């Protein structure tokens, strides 16, 4: 028996997942009207009768029926001189359809296209990547005290990707200004704010950042 939820599933799941075009949609609803609304799941209809009932050409009807049979929303069970024996399937009767939570989830994020600077939207993920420390001087920072900094300055390139945006303390962020990341690390080292080991570690982190190996986990 056709239920209201079946109509919702037809629109939300069957049509988009099976890629049903506008001609097939019109024919599917016509078949539904003369089958499941009459509490029948199998009907005998002629191509000529379907053409008259839908206003579609007979060749278009034939093409649509074959296509819908391949896609699985109807089944051609037999052919006779009087027409086609068709079984019209509802979404809950089509095993290939997913009617569950997958269709309510947002599409997966493409991390390569995300803006990690504007609005500080991904600050928590960047903090976790940097272990809650300034990327440059390794001073401990929090969400409240952290600044976001462009390793390659905005004046040189427009890049808000995870490969160029890092967490910094306010001191480093304010004095770095338009200096590049590698040059700023050398300044910190010459001022004695980084040990030899820390300087080498930060340069290695900078190289990993640029090559895309320091990928933050998006919460």
N, C-alpha and C. Protein backbone atom coordinates (compact mmCIF):
# COMPACT_ATOMS: atom_id res chain seq x y z
N UNK A 1 0.84 -1.20 0.00
CA UNK A 1 0.00 0.00 0.00
C UNK A 1 0.88 1.25 0.00
N UNK A 2 0.54 2.22 -0.85
CA UNK A 2 1.30 3.46 -0.95
C UNK A 2 1.05 4.34 0.27
N UNK A 3 2.14 4.81 0.90
CA UNK A 3 2.03 5.66 2.08
C UNK A 3 2.66 7.03 1.80
N UNK A 4 2.34 8.00 2.66
CA UNK A 4 2.87 9.34 2.49
C UNK A 4 4.39 9.34 2.53
N UNK A 5 4.98 8.52 3.39
CA UNK A 5 6.43 8.47 3.49
C UNK A 5 7.07 7.94 2.22
N UNK A 6 6.32 7.11 1.46
CA UNK A 6 6.83 6.61 0.19
C UNK A 6 7.06 7.76 -0.79
N UNK A 7 6.15 8.73 -0.80
CA UNK A 7 6.30 9.88 -1.69
C UNK A 7 7.54 10.68 -1.32
N UNK A 8 7.74 10.88 -0.03
CA UNK A 8 8.94 11.60 0.41
C UNK A 8 10.20 10.87 -0.02
N UNK A 9 10.22 9.56 0.14
CA UNK A 9 11.40 8.78 -0.22
C UNK A 9 11.63 8.77 -1.72
N UNK A 10 10.56 8.83 -2.49
CA UNK A 10 10.70 8.90 -3.95
C UNK A 10 11.46 10.17 -4.33
N UNK A 11 11.05 11.30 -3.76
CA UNK A 11 11.68 12.58 -4.08
C UNK A 11 13.08 12.71 -3.48
N UNK A 12 13.24 12.25 -2.23
CA UNK A 12 14.50 12.47 -1.52
C UNK A 12 15.58 11.45 -1.87
N UNK A 13 15.18 10.23 -2.18
CA UNK A 13 16.16 9.16 -2.35
C UNK A 13 16.13 8.53 -3.74
N UNK A 14 14.94 8.09 -4.19
CA UNK A 14 14.86 7.34 -5.44
C UNK A 14 15.31 8.19 -6.63
N UNK A 15 14.70 9.35 -6.82
CA UNK A 15 15.02 10.17 -7.99
C UNK A 15 16.49 10.61 -8.02
N UNK A 16 17.04 11.17 -6.92
CA UNK A 16 18.44 11.62 -6.99
C UNK A 16 19.44 10.47 -7.06
N UNK A 17 19.21 9.39 -6.31
CA UNK A 17 20.20 8.31 -6.28
C UNK A 17 20.22 7.52 -7.58
N UNK A 18 19.06 7.33 -8.20
CA UNK A 18 19.00 6.58 -9.46
C UNK A 18 19.14 7.48 -10.67
N UNK A 19 19.29 8.80 -10.43
CA UNK A 19 19.45 9.77 -11.51
C UNK A 19 18.29 9.66 -12.52
N UNK A 20 17.08 9.76 -11.99
CA UNK A 20 15.87 9.70 -12.81
C UNK A 20 15.65 11.06 -13.46
N UNK A 21 15.58 11.10 -14.81
CA UNK A 21 15.42 12.38 -15.48
C UNK A 21 13.95 12.81 -15.49
N UNK A 22 13.67 13.98 -16.07
CA UNK A 22 12.32 14.54 -16.00
C UNK A 22 11.29 13.69 -16.74
N UNK A 23 11.68 13.08 -17.87
CA UNK A 23 10.76 12.21 -18.60
C UNK A 23 10.41 10.98 -17.77
N UNK A 24 11.44 10.40 -17.16
CA UNK A 24 11.24 9.20 -16.35
C UNK A 24 10.43 9.51 -15.09
N UNK A 25 10.61 10.68 -14.53
CA UNK A 25 9.82 11.08 -13.36
C UNK A 25 8.34 11.12 -13.71
N UNK A 26 8.04 11.76 -14.83
CA UNK A 26 6.64 11.87 -15.26
C UNK A 26 6.04 10.49 -15.47
N UNK A 27 6.79 9.61 -16.13
CA UNK A 27 6.28 8.27 -16.39
C UNK A 27 6.16 7.47 -15.10
N UNK A 28 7.13 7.61 -14.19
CA UNK A 28 7.08 6.87 -12.93
C UNK A 28 5.82 7.23 -12.15
N UNK A 29 5.51 8.53 -12.05
CA UNK A 29 4.32 8.94 -11.31
C UNK A 29 3.04 8.47 -12.02
N UNK A 30 3.05 8.44 -13.36
CA UNK A 30 1.88 7.94 -14.09
C UNK A 30 1.67 6.45 -13.78
N UNK A 31 2.75 5.70 -13.80
CA UNK A 31 2.66 4.27 -13.48
C UNK A 31 2.25 4.05 -12.03
N UNK A 32 2.77 4.90 -11.14
CA UNK A 32 2.41 4.80 -9.73
C UNK A 32 0.91 5.03 -9.53
N UNK A 33 0.39 6.00 -10.26
CA UNK A 33 -1.04 6.31 -10.16
C UNK A 33 -1.91 5.13 -10.55
N UNK A 34 -1.51 4.38 -11.55
CA UNK A 34 -2.33 3.29 -12.06
C UNK A 34 -1.94 1.93 -11.47
N UNK A 35 -1.03 1.94 -10.53
CA UNK A 35 -0.63 0.67 -9.92
C UNK A 35 -0.76 0.74 -8.40
N UNK A 36 0.22 1.35 -7.74
CA UNK A 36 0.24 1.30 -6.29
C UNK A 36 -0.91 2.07 -5.65
N UNK A 37 -1.37 3.14 -6.29
CA UNK A 37 -2.54 3.84 -5.77
C UNK A 37 -3.81 3.00 -5.89
N UNK A 38 -3.77 2.05 -6.81
CA UNK A 38 -4.89 1.10 -6.96
C UNK A 38 -4.60 -0.20 -6.22
N UNK A 39 -3.56 -0.16 -5.38
CA UNK A 39 -3.14 -1.32 -4.60
C UNK A 39 -2.74 -2.50 -5.50
N UNK A 40 -2.07 -2.16 -6.59
CA UNK A 40 -1.51 -3.17 -7.49
C UNK A 40 -0.02 -2.87 -7.63
N UNK A 41 0.81 -3.89 -7.63
CA UNK A 41 2.22 -3.66 -7.88
C UNK A 41 2.64 -4.14 -9.26
N UNK A 42 1.68 -4.73 -10.02
CA UNK A 42 1.97 -5.25 -11.35
C UNK A 42 0.81 -4.89 -12.27
N UNK A 43 1.11 -4.25 -13.40
CA UNK A 43 0.06 -3.83 -14.31
C UNK A 43 0.45 -4.14 -15.75
N UNK A 44 -0.55 -4.20 -16.62
CA UNK A 44 -0.35 -4.40 -18.05
C UNK A 44 -0.73 -3.11 -18.76
N UNK A 45 0.23 -2.50 -19.43
CA UNK A 45 -0.01 -1.25 -20.13
C UNK A 45 0.65 -1.30 -21.50
N UNK A 46 -0.02 -0.71 -22.49
CA UNK A 46 0.54 -0.66 -23.84
C UNK A 46 1.35 0.62 -24.02
N UNK A 47 2.29 0.56 -24.95
CA UNK A 47 3.10 1.74 -25.26
C UNK A 47 2.19 2.86 -25.77
N UNK A 48 1.25 2.51 -26.63
CA UNK A 48 0.33 3.50 -27.18
C UNK A 48 -0.52 4.14 -26.08
N UNK A 49 -1.01 3.31 -25.16
CA UNK A 49 -1.82 3.83 -24.06
C UNK A 49 -1.02 4.74 -23.15
N UNK A 50 0.25 4.38 -22.88
CA UNK A 50 1.11 5.22 -22.05
C UNK A 50 1.41 6.55 -22.75
N UNK A 51 1.62 6.50 -24.05
CA UNK A 51 1.87 7.73 -24.81
C UNK A 51 0.68 8.67 -24.73
N UNK A 52 -0.51 8.13 -24.86
CA UNK A 52 -1.72 8.94 -24.78
C UNK A 52 -1.94 9.48 -23.37
N UNK A 53 -1.65 8.67 -22.38
CA UNK A 53 -1.88 9.06 -21.00
C UNK A 53 -0.89 10.08 -20.47
N UNK A 54 0.32 10.09 -21.03
CA UNK A 54 1.37 10.99 -20.53
C UNK A 54 1.67 12.15 -21.46
N UNK A 55 1.22 12.05 -22.70
CA UNK A 55 1.55 13.09 -23.68
C UNK A 55 2.95 12.96 -24.23
N UNK A 56 3.59 11.83 -23.98
CA UNK A 56 4.93 11.58 -24.49
C UNK A 56 4.86 10.76 -25.76
N UNK A 57 5.89 10.87 -26.61
CA UNK A 57 5.94 10.07 -27.82
C UNK A 57 6.20 8.61 -27.51
N UNK A 58 5.78 7.73 -28.41
CA UNK A 58 5.95 6.29 -28.16
C UNK A 58 7.42 5.90 -28.06
N UNK A 59 8.28 6.50 -28.88
CA UNK A 59 9.71 6.16 -28.81
C UNK A 59 10.30 6.61 -27.47
N UNK A 60 9.84 7.78 -26.98
CA UNK A 60 10.32 8.25 -25.68
C UNK A 60 9.83 7.33 -24.56
N UNK A 61 8.60 6.84 -24.67
CA UNK A 61 8.07 5.90 -23.69
C UNK A 61 8.92 4.64 -23.65
N UNK A 62 9.24 4.10 -24.83
CA UNK A 62 10.06 2.88 -24.88
C UNK A 62 11.43 3.10 -24.25
N UNK A 63 12.05 4.23 -24.60
CA UNK A 63 13.37 4.53 -24.04
C UNK A 63 13.31 4.68 -22.52
N UNK A 64 12.28 5.38 -22.03
CA UNK A 64 12.15 5.61 -20.59
C UNK A 64 11.91 4.31 -19.84
N UNK A 65 11.08 3.44 -20.38
CA UNK A 65 10.79 2.16 -19.72
C UNK A 65 12.06 1.32 -19.63
N UNK A 66 12.82 1.24 -20.72
CA UNK A 66 14.07 0.46 -20.71
C UNK A 66 15.06 1.05 -19.69
N UNK A 67 15.17 2.38 -19.68
CA UNK A 67 16.09 3.04 -18.76
C UNK A 67 15.69 2.80 -17.31
N UNK A 68 14.40 2.94 -17.00
CA UNK A 68 13.93 2.76 -15.63
C UNK A 68 14.06 1.31 -15.18
N UNK A 69 13.92 0.39 -16.13
CA UNK A 69 14.13 -1.02 -15.82
C UNK A 69 15.59 -1.28 -15.46
N UNK A 70 16.51 -0.67 -16.22
CA UNK A 70 17.94 -0.82 -15.92
C UNK A 70 18.29 -0.20 -14.57
N UNK A 71 17.69 0.94 -14.27
CA UNK A 71 17.98 1.63 -13.01
C UNK A 71 17.33 0.95 -11.81
N UNK A 72 16.30 0.16 -12.04
CA UNK A 72 15.74 -0.65 -10.96
C UNK A 72 14.50 -0.11 -10.29
N UNK A 73 13.88 0.97 -10.82
CA UNK A 73 12.67 1.48 -10.17
C UNK A 73 11.40 0.86 -10.74
N UNK A 74 11.50 0.20 -11.90
CA UNK A 74 10.43 -0.65 -12.41
C UNK A 74 11.06 -1.94 -12.92
N UNK A 75 10.25 -2.93 -13.11
CA UNK A 75 10.72 -4.20 -13.68
C UNK A 75 9.81 -4.59 -14.83
N UNK A 76 10.43 -4.87 -15.98
CA UNK A 76 9.66 -5.41 -17.11
C UNK A 76 9.58 -6.92 -16.92
N UNK A 77 8.43 -7.40 -16.52
CA UNK A 77 8.30 -8.82 -16.20
C UNK A 77 7.94 -9.66 -17.41
N UNK A 78 7.24 -9.06 -18.36
CA UNK A 78 6.84 -9.82 -19.56
C UNK A 78 6.35 -8.84 -20.62
N UNK A 79 6.31 -9.30 -21.84
CA UNK A 79 5.75 -8.53 -22.94
C UNK A 79 4.74 -9.39 -23.66
N UNK A 80 3.68 -8.77 -24.15
CA UNK A 80 2.66 -9.49 -24.91
C UNK A 80 2.13 -8.57 -26.00
N UNK A 81 1.20 -9.09 -26.81
CA UNK A 81 0.61 -8.27 -27.86
C UNK A 81 -0.17 -7.09 -27.28
N UNK A 82 -0.63 -7.26 -26.07
CA UNK A 82 -1.43 -6.20 -25.43
C UNK A 82 -0.57 -5.15 -24.75
N UNK A 83 0.70 -5.44 -24.55
CA UNK A 83 1.56 -4.44 -23.91
C UNK A 83 2.60 -5.06 -22.99
N UNK A 84 3.10 -4.26 -22.07
CA UNK A 84 4.13 -4.67 -21.13
C UNK A 84 3.52 -4.95 -19.76
N UNK A 85 3.97 -6.06 -19.16
CA UNK A 85 3.65 -6.31 -17.76
C UNK A 85 4.75 -5.64 -16.92
N UNK A 86 4.38 -4.62 -16.18
CA UNK A 86 5.35 -3.84 -15.42
C UNK A 86 5.09 -3.95 -13.93
N UNK A 87 6.17 -4.08 -13.16
CA UNK A 87 6.09 -4.02 -11.71
C UNK A 87 6.73 -2.70 -11.28
N UNK A 88 5.99 -1.90 -10.54
CA UNK A 88 6.47 -0.60 -10.11
C UNK A 88 6.95 -0.72 -8.67
N UNK A 89 8.21 -0.37 -8.44
CA UNK A 89 8.83 -0.56 -7.12
C UNK A 89 8.87 0.76 -6.35
N UNK A 90 8.64 0.67 -5.06
CA UNK A 90 8.77 1.80 -4.15
C UNK A 90 10.20 1.84 -3.60
N UNK A 91 10.66 2.99 -3.13
CA UNK A 91 12.04 3.08 -2.62
C UNK A 91 12.40 2.01 -1.60
N UNK A 92 11.48 1.69 -0.69
CA UNK A 92 11.79 0.69 0.35
C UNK A 92 11.92 -0.73 -0.21
N UNK A 93 11.55 -0.91 -1.48
CA UNK A 93 11.64 -2.22 -2.12
C UNK A 93 12.86 -2.34 -3.03
N UNK A 94 13.67 -1.29 -3.10
CA UNK A 94 14.85 -1.27 -3.97
C UNK A 94 16.09 -1.40 -3.11
N UNK A 95 16.74 -2.54 -3.18
CA UNK A 95 17.86 -2.84 -2.27
C UNK A 95 19.05 -1.89 -2.47
N UNK A 96 19.22 -1.37 -3.67
CA UNK A 96 20.39 -0.53 -3.94
C UNK A 96 20.27 0.87 -3.35
N UNK A 97 19.07 1.26 -2.93
CA UNK A 97 18.88 2.60 -2.38
C UNK A 97 19.26 2.65 -0.91
N UNK A 98 19.83 3.78 -0.50
CA UNK A 98 20.09 4.04 0.92
C UNK A 98 19.07 5.05 1.40
N UNK A 99 18.27 4.65 2.37
CA UNK A 99 17.22 5.54 2.88
C UNK A 99 17.54 6.03 4.28
N UNK A 100 18.78 5.82 4.73
CA UNK A 100 19.13 6.11 6.11
C UNK A 100 19.91 7.41 6.24
N UNK A 101 20.67 7.51 7.33
CA UNK A 101 21.29 8.77 7.73
C UNK A 101 22.30 9.29 6.73
N UNK A 102 22.82 8.41 5.86
CA UNK A 102 23.82 8.87 4.91
C UNK A 102 23.34 10.05 4.10
N UNK A 103 22.07 10.08 3.81
CA UNK A 103 21.51 11.13 2.97
C UNK A 103 21.27 12.42 3.73
N UNK A 104 21.38 12.38 5.07
CA UNK A 104 21.19 13.58 5.87
C UNK A 104 22.51 14.20 6.29
N UNK A 105 23.61 13.54 5.94
CA UNK A 105 24.91 14.04 6.33
C UNK A 105 25.41 15.04 5.29
N UNK A 106 26.21 16.00 5.76
CA UNK A 106 26.82 16.95 4.83
C UNK A 106 27.85 16.22 3.99
N UNK A 107 28.08 16.67 2.78
CA UNK A 107 29.11 16.05 1.96
C UNK A 107 30.47 16.16 2.62
N UNK A 108 31.36 15.23 2.38
CA UNK A 108 32.68 15.28 3.02
C UNK A 108 33.44 16.55 2.67
N UNK A 109 34.19 17.08 3.62
CA UNK A 109 34.96 18.30 3.41
C UNK A 109 36.20 18.01 2.57
N UNK A 110 36.50 18.90 1.67
CA UNK A 110 37.76 18.84 0.94
C UNK A 110 38.72 19.79 1.66
N UNK A 111 39.61 19.23 2.44
CA UNK A 111 40.45 20.06 3.32
C UNK A 111 41.35 21.00 2.52
N UNK A 112 41.64 20.62 1.27
CA UNK A 112 42.51 21.46 0.46
C UNK A 112 41.85 22.77 0.07
N UNK A 113 40.54 22.85 0.15
CA UNK A 113 39.83 24.08 -0.26
C UNK A 113 39.36 24.92 0.92
N UNK A 114 39.62 24.47 2.15
CA UNK A 114 39.11 25.18 3.32
C UNK A 114 39.94 26.43 3.64
N UNK A 115 39.23 27.45 4.13
CA UNK A 115 39.86 28.70 4.58
C UNK A 115 40.11 28.59 6.08
N UNK A 116 41.39 28.46 6.47
CA UNK A 116 41.75 28.26 7.88
C UNK A 116 42.03 29.58 8.61
N UNK A 117 41.86 30.69 7.92
CA UNK A 117 42.16 31.97 8.55
C UNK A 117 40.91 32.78 8.87
N UNK A 118 40.04 32.95 7.90
CA UNK A 118 38.88 33.82 8.06
C UNK A 118 37.94 33.30 9.14
N UNK A 119 37.65 34.16 10.12
CA UNK A 119 36.68 33.81 11.16
C UNK A 119 37.18 32.83 12.21
N UNK A 120 38.46 32.41 12.11
CA UNK A 120 39.04 31.48 13.09
C UNK A 120 38.20 30.22 13.27
N UNK A 121 37.53 29.80 12.21
CA UNK A 121 36.59 28.69 12.29
C UNK A 121 37.27 27.38 12.68
N UNK A 122 38.50 27.19 12.23
CA UNK A 122 39.20 25.92 12.49
C UNK A 122 40.35 26.09 13.49
N UNK A 123 40.22 27.09 14.36
CA UNK A 123 41.26 27.34 15.35
C UNK A 123 41.53 26.13 16.23
N UNK A 124 40.47 25.46 16.68
CA UNK A 124 40.64 24.30 17.56
C UNK A 124 41.46 23.21 16.87
N UNK A 125 41.21 22.99 15.59
CA UNK A 125 41.97 21.97 14.85
C UNK A 125 43.43 22.37 14.69
N UNK A 126 43.69 23.64 14.46
CA UNK A 126 45.07 24.10 14.33
C UNK A 126 45.80 24.06 15.66
N UNK A 127 45.10 24.39 16.75
CA UNK A 127 45.70 24.28 18.08
C UNK A 127 46.11 22.85 18.38
N UNK A 128 45.24 21.91 18.04
CA UNK A 128 45.55 20.50 18.28
C UNK A 128 46.75 20.07 17.44
N UNK A 129 46.81 20.53 16.21
CA UNK A 129 47.96 20.19 15.36
C UNK A 129 49.26 20.72 15.94
N UNK A 130 49.23 21.94 16.51
CA UNK A 130 50.42 22.56 17.07
C UNK A 130 50.64 22.21 18.54
N UNK A 131 49.84 21.28 19.07
CA UNK A 131 49.96 20.87 20.48
C UNK A 131 49.84 22.05 21.43
N UNK A 132 48.95 22.99 21.08
CA UNK A 132 48.67 24.16 21.92
C UNK A 132 49.92 25.00 22.18
N UNK A 133 50.77 25.09 21.15
CA UNK A 133 51.99 25.90 21.28
C UNK A 133 52.14 26.79 20.05
N UNK A 134 52.81 27.90 20.24
CA UNK A 134 53.12 28.79 19.13
C UNK A 134 53.98 28.03 18.12
N UNK A 135 53.62 28.11 16.87
CA UNK A 135 54.36 27.38 15.84
C UNK A 135 55.82 27.83 15.77
N UNK A 136 56.09 29.08 16.12
CA UNK A 136 57.44 29.64 15.97
C UNK A 136 58.30 29.48 17.22
N UNK A 137 57.82 29.99 18.36
CA UNK A 137 58.67 30.01 19.56
C UNK A 137 58.33 28.90 20.55
N UNK A 138 57.29 28.15 20.27
CA UNK A 138 56.85 27.01 21.10
C UNK A 138 56.28 27.43 22.45
N UNK A 139 55.95 28.72 22.58
CA UNK A 139 55.29 29.17 23.81
C UNK A 139 53.88 28.59 23.86
N UNK A 140 53.42 28.20 25.04
CA UNK A 140 52.08 27.63 25.19
C UNK A 140 51.01 28.69 24.92
N UNK A 141 49.97 28.31 24.18
CA UNK A 141 48.88 29.23 23.86
C UNK A 141 47.55 28.52 24.07
N UNK A 142 46.51 29.33 24.20
CA UNK A 142 45.15 28.80 24.33
C UNK A 142 44.30 29.41 23.21
N UNK A 143 43.05 28.98 23.14
CA UNK A 143 42.15 29.52 22.13
C UNK A 143 41.97 31.02 22.31
N UNK A 144 42.03 31.48 23.55
CA UNK A 144 41.85 32.91 23.84
C UNK A 144 43.11 33.72 23.52
N UNK A 145 44.27 33.12 23.74
CA UNK A 145 45.51 33.88 23.56
C UNK A 145 46.15 33.67 22.19
N UNK A 146 45.67 32.71 21.43
CA UNK A 146 46.31 32.36 20.16
C UNK A 146 45.94 33.35 19.05
N UNK A 147 46.91 33.60 18.19
CA UNK A 147 46.68 34.36 16.95
C UNK A 147 46.90 33.41 15.78
N UNK A 148 46.30 33.75 14.66
CA UNK A 148 46.54 32.98 13.44
C UNK A 148 47.50 33.77 12.56
N UNK A 149 48.49 33.07 12.03
CA UNK A 149 49.53 33.76 11.27
C UNK A 149 49.76 33.07 9.93
N UNK A 150 50.05 33.87 8.91
CA UNK A 150 50.42 33.34 7.59
C UNK A 150 51.92 33.14 7.53
N UNK A 151 52.36 31.92 7.30
CA UNK A 151 53.80 31.64 7.19
C UNK A 151 54.39 32.45 6.05
N UNK A 152 53.78 32.36 4.88
CA UNK A 152 54.12 33.27 3.78
C UNK A 152 53.17 34.45 3.89
N UNK A 153 53.63 35.64 4.12
CA UNK A 153 52.76 36.79 4.40
C UNK A 153 51.71 37.02 3.32
N UNK A 154 50.57 37.56 3.74
CA UNK A 154 49.48 37.87 2.82
C UNK A 154 49.91 38.86 1.74
N UNK A 155 50.89 39.68 2.06
CA UNK A 155 51.37 40.65 1.08
C UNK A 155 52.04 39.96 -0.11
N UNK A 156 52.53 38.73 0.11
CA UNK A 156 53.24 38.01 -0.94
C UNK A 156 52.35 37.00 -1.67
N UNK A 157 51.40 36.42 -0.96
CA UNK A 157 50.55 35.40 -1.58
C UNK A 157 49.22 35.32 -0.82
N UNK A 158 48.15 35.06 -1.55
CA UNK A 158 46.84 34.89 -0.91
C UNK A 158 46.61 33.39 -0.69
N UNK A 159 46.93 32.93 0.51
CA UNK A 159 46.84 31.50 0.81
C UNK A 159 46.39 31.31 2.26
N UNK A 160 45.11 30.94 2.42
CA UNK A 160 44.56 30.68 3.76
C UNK A 160 44.42 29.19 4.03
N UNK A 161 45.21 28.39 3.34
CA UNK A 161 45.11 26.94 3.51
C UNK A 161 45.86 26.49 4.76
N UNK A 162 45.65 25.21 5.13
CA UNK A 162 46.33 24.65 6.30
C UNK A 162 47.84 24.58 6.09
N UNK A 163 48.29 24.70 4.84
CA UNK A 163 49.72 24.67 4.54
C UNK A 163 50.41 26.01 4.83
N UNK A 164 49.59 27.06 5.07
CA UNK A 164 50.19 28.38 5.26
C UNK A 164 49.72 29.09 6.52
N UNK A 165 48.67 28.60 7.16
CA UNK A 165 48.15 29.24 8.36
C UNK A 165 48.54 28.42 9.59
N UNK A 166 49.14 29.09 10.57
CA UNK A 166 49.57 28.41 11.79
C UNK A 166 49.10 29.20 13.01
N UNK A 167 49.16 28.54 14.16
CA UNK A 167 48.86 29.19 15.44
C UNK A 167 50.14 29.85 15.95
N UNK A 168 50.01 31.09 16.40
CA UNK A 168 51.17 31.81 16.95
C UNK A 168 50.77 32.54 18.23
N UNK A 169 51.74 32.79 19.06
CA UNK A 169 51.46 33.65 20.22
C UNK A 169 51.36 35.09 19.72
N UNK A 170 50.77 35.95 20.53
CA UNK A 170 50.58 37.33 20.09
C UNK A 170 51.91 38.06 19.92
N UNK A 171 52.91 37.70 20.73
CA UNK A 171 54.23 38.35 20.62
C UNK A 171 54.85 38.06 19.25
N UNK A 172 54.87 36.76 18.86
CA UNK A 172 55.46 36.40 17.56
C UNK A 172 54.64 37.00 16.41
N UNK A 173 53.33 36.95 16.54
CA UNK A 173 52.47 37.47 15.50
C UNK A 173 52.67 38.97 15.27
N UNK A 174 52.91 39.70 16.37
CA UNK A 174 53.04 41.16 16.26
C UNK A 174 54.40 41.58 15.70
N UNK A 175 55.46 40.81 16.01
CA UNK A 175 56.79 41.22 15.53
C UNK A 175 57.15 40.59 14.19
N UNK A 176 56.50 39.50 13.82
CA UNK A 176 56.81 38.84 12.54
C UNK A 176 56.36 39.72 11.38
N UNK A 177 55.15 40.26 11.46
CA UNK A 177 54.62 41.15 10.43
C UNK A 177 54.73 40.49 9.05
N UNK A 178 55.42 41.13 8.11
CA UNK A 178 55.50 40.64 6.73
C UNK A 178 56.74 39.78 6.47
N UNK A 179 57.36 39.30 7.56
CA UNK A 179 58.53 38.43 7.41
C UNK A 179 58.09 37.01 7.09
N UNK A 180 58.84 36.34 6.24
CA UNK A 180 58.50 34.95 5.92
C UNK A 180 58.79 34.05 7.12
N UNK A 181 58.18 32.87 7.14
CA UNK A 181 58.33 31.96 8.27
C UNK A 181 59.75 31.52 8.51
N UNK A 182 60.48 31.15 7.45
CA UNK A 182 61.84 30.66 7.64
C UNK A 182 62.78 31.78 8.10
N UNK A 183 62.57 32.99 7.58
CA UNK A 183 63.39 34.12 8.03
C UNK A 183 63.09 34.47 9.48
N UNK A 184 61.80 34.38 9.86
CA UNK A 184 61.44 34.70 11.24
C UNK A 184 62.04 33.70 12.22
N UNK A 185 62.12 32.44 11.83
CA UNK A 185 62.76 31.44 12.69
C UNK A 185 64.24 31.76 12.89
N UNK A 186 64.89 32.24 11.84
CA UNK A 186 66.30 32.61 11.97
C UNK A 186 66.46 33.80 12.92
N UNK A 187 65.51 34.74 12.88
CA UNK A 187 65.55 35.89 13.79
C UNK A 187 65.42 35.42 15.24
N UNK A 188 64.48 34.51 15.50
CA UNK A 188 64.29 33.98 16.86
C UNK A 188 65.53 33.25 17.33
N UNK A 189 66.18 32.51 16.42
CA UNK A 189 67.39 31.77 16.78
C UNK A 189 68.55 32.72 17.11
N UNK A 190 68.71 33.76 16.27
CA UNK A 190 69.80 34.71 16.50
C UNK A 190 69.60 35.49 17.81
N UNK A 191 68.34 35.68 18.19
CA UNK A 191 68.05 36.39 19.45
C UNK A 191 68.12 35.46 20.65
N UNK A 192 68.42 34.20 20.42
CA UNK A 192 68.53 33.24 21.51
C UNK A 192 67.19 32.75 22.05
N UNK A 193 66.11 32.99 21.30
CA UNK A 193 64.78 32.57 21.74
C UNK A 193 64.48 31.12 21.33
N UNK A 194 65.35 30.56 20.50
CA UNK A 194 65.26 29.15 20.13
C UNK A 194 66.64 28.53 20.27
N UNK A 195 66.68 27.33 20.87
CA UNK A 195 67.94 26.59 20.95
C UNK A 195 68.25 26.00 19.58
N UNK A 196 69.43 25.44 19.41
CA UNK A 196 69.80 24.80 18.14
C UNK A 196 68.81 23.69 17.81
N UNK A 197 68.51 22.87 18.81
CA UNK A 197 67.59 21.76 18.59
C UNK A 197 66.19 22.25 18.22
N UNK A 198 65.74 23.29 18.92
CA UNK A 198 64.41 23.85 18.64
C UNK A 198 64.38 24.49 17.26
N UNK A 199 65.47 25.17 16.88
CA UNK A 199 65.55 25.79 15.56
C UNK A 199 65.45 24.73 14.45
N UNK A 200 66.19 23.64 14.62
CA UNK A 200 66.13 22.56 13.63
C UNK A 200 64.75 21.91 13.59
N UNK A 201 64.14 21.76 14.77
CA UNK A 201 62.81 21.17 14.85
C UNK A 201 61.78 22.05 14.13
N UNK A 202 61.87 23.37 14.35
CA UNK A 202 60.91 24.29 13.74
C UNK A 202 61.09 24.37 12.22
N UNK A 203 62.32 24.27 11.75
CA UNK A 203 62.55 24.26 10.31
C UNK A 203 62.00 22.98 9.67
N UNK A 204 62.15 21.87 10.39
CA UNK A 204 61.59 20.61 9.90
C UNK A 204 60.07 20.69 9.87
N UNK A 205 59.47 21.31 10.90
CA UNK A 205 58.02 21.47 10.93
C UNK A 205 57.56 22.37 9.79
N UNK A 206 58.34 23.40 9.50
CA UNK A 206 58.00 24.31 8.41
C UNK A 206 58.01 23.58 7.07
N UNK A 207 58.98 22.73 6.88
CA UNK A 207 59.05 21.95 5.64
C UNK A 207 57.87 20.98 5.54
N UNK A 208 57.53 20.34 6.67
CA UNK A 208 56.37 19.43 6.68
C UNK A 208 55.08 20.18 6.39
N UNK A 209 54.98 21.40 6.91
CA UNK A 209 53.80 22.23 6.68
C UNK A 209 53.64 22.53 5.20
N UNK A 210 54.71 22.98 4.58
CA UNK A 210 54.67 23.36 3.18
C UNK A 210 54.36 22.18 2.26
N UNK A 211 54.84 21.01 2.62
CA UNK A 211 54.63 19.82 1.77
C UNK A 211 53.29 19.17 2.01
N UNK A 212 52.50 19.70 2.97
CA UNK A 212 51.16 19.16 3.21
C UNK A 212 51.11 17.98 4.14
N UNK A 213 52.20 17.75 4.90
CA UNK A 213 52.22 16.61 5.81
C UNK A 213 51.61 16.93 7.18
N UNK A 214 51.47 18.22 7.51
CA UNK A 214 50.87 18.61 8.79
C UNK A 214 49.40 18.91 8.57
N UNK A 215 48.63 17.88 8.40
CA UNK A 215 47.20 18.04 8.10
C UNK A 215 46.42 18.07 9.42
N UNK A 216 45.68 19.15 9.70
CA UNK A 216 44.88 19.19 10.94
C UNK A 216 43.67 18.29 10.84
N UNK A 217 43.25 17.79 11.97
CA UNK A 217 42.04 16.96 12.02
C UNK A 217 40.85 17.88 12.27
N UNK A 218 39.91 17.88 11.33
CA UNK A 218 38.74 18.76 11.45
C UNK A 218 37.73 18.13 12.38
N UNK A 219 37.33 18.86 13.41
CA UNK A 219 36.35 18.37 14.37
C UNK A 219 34.94 18.58 13.80
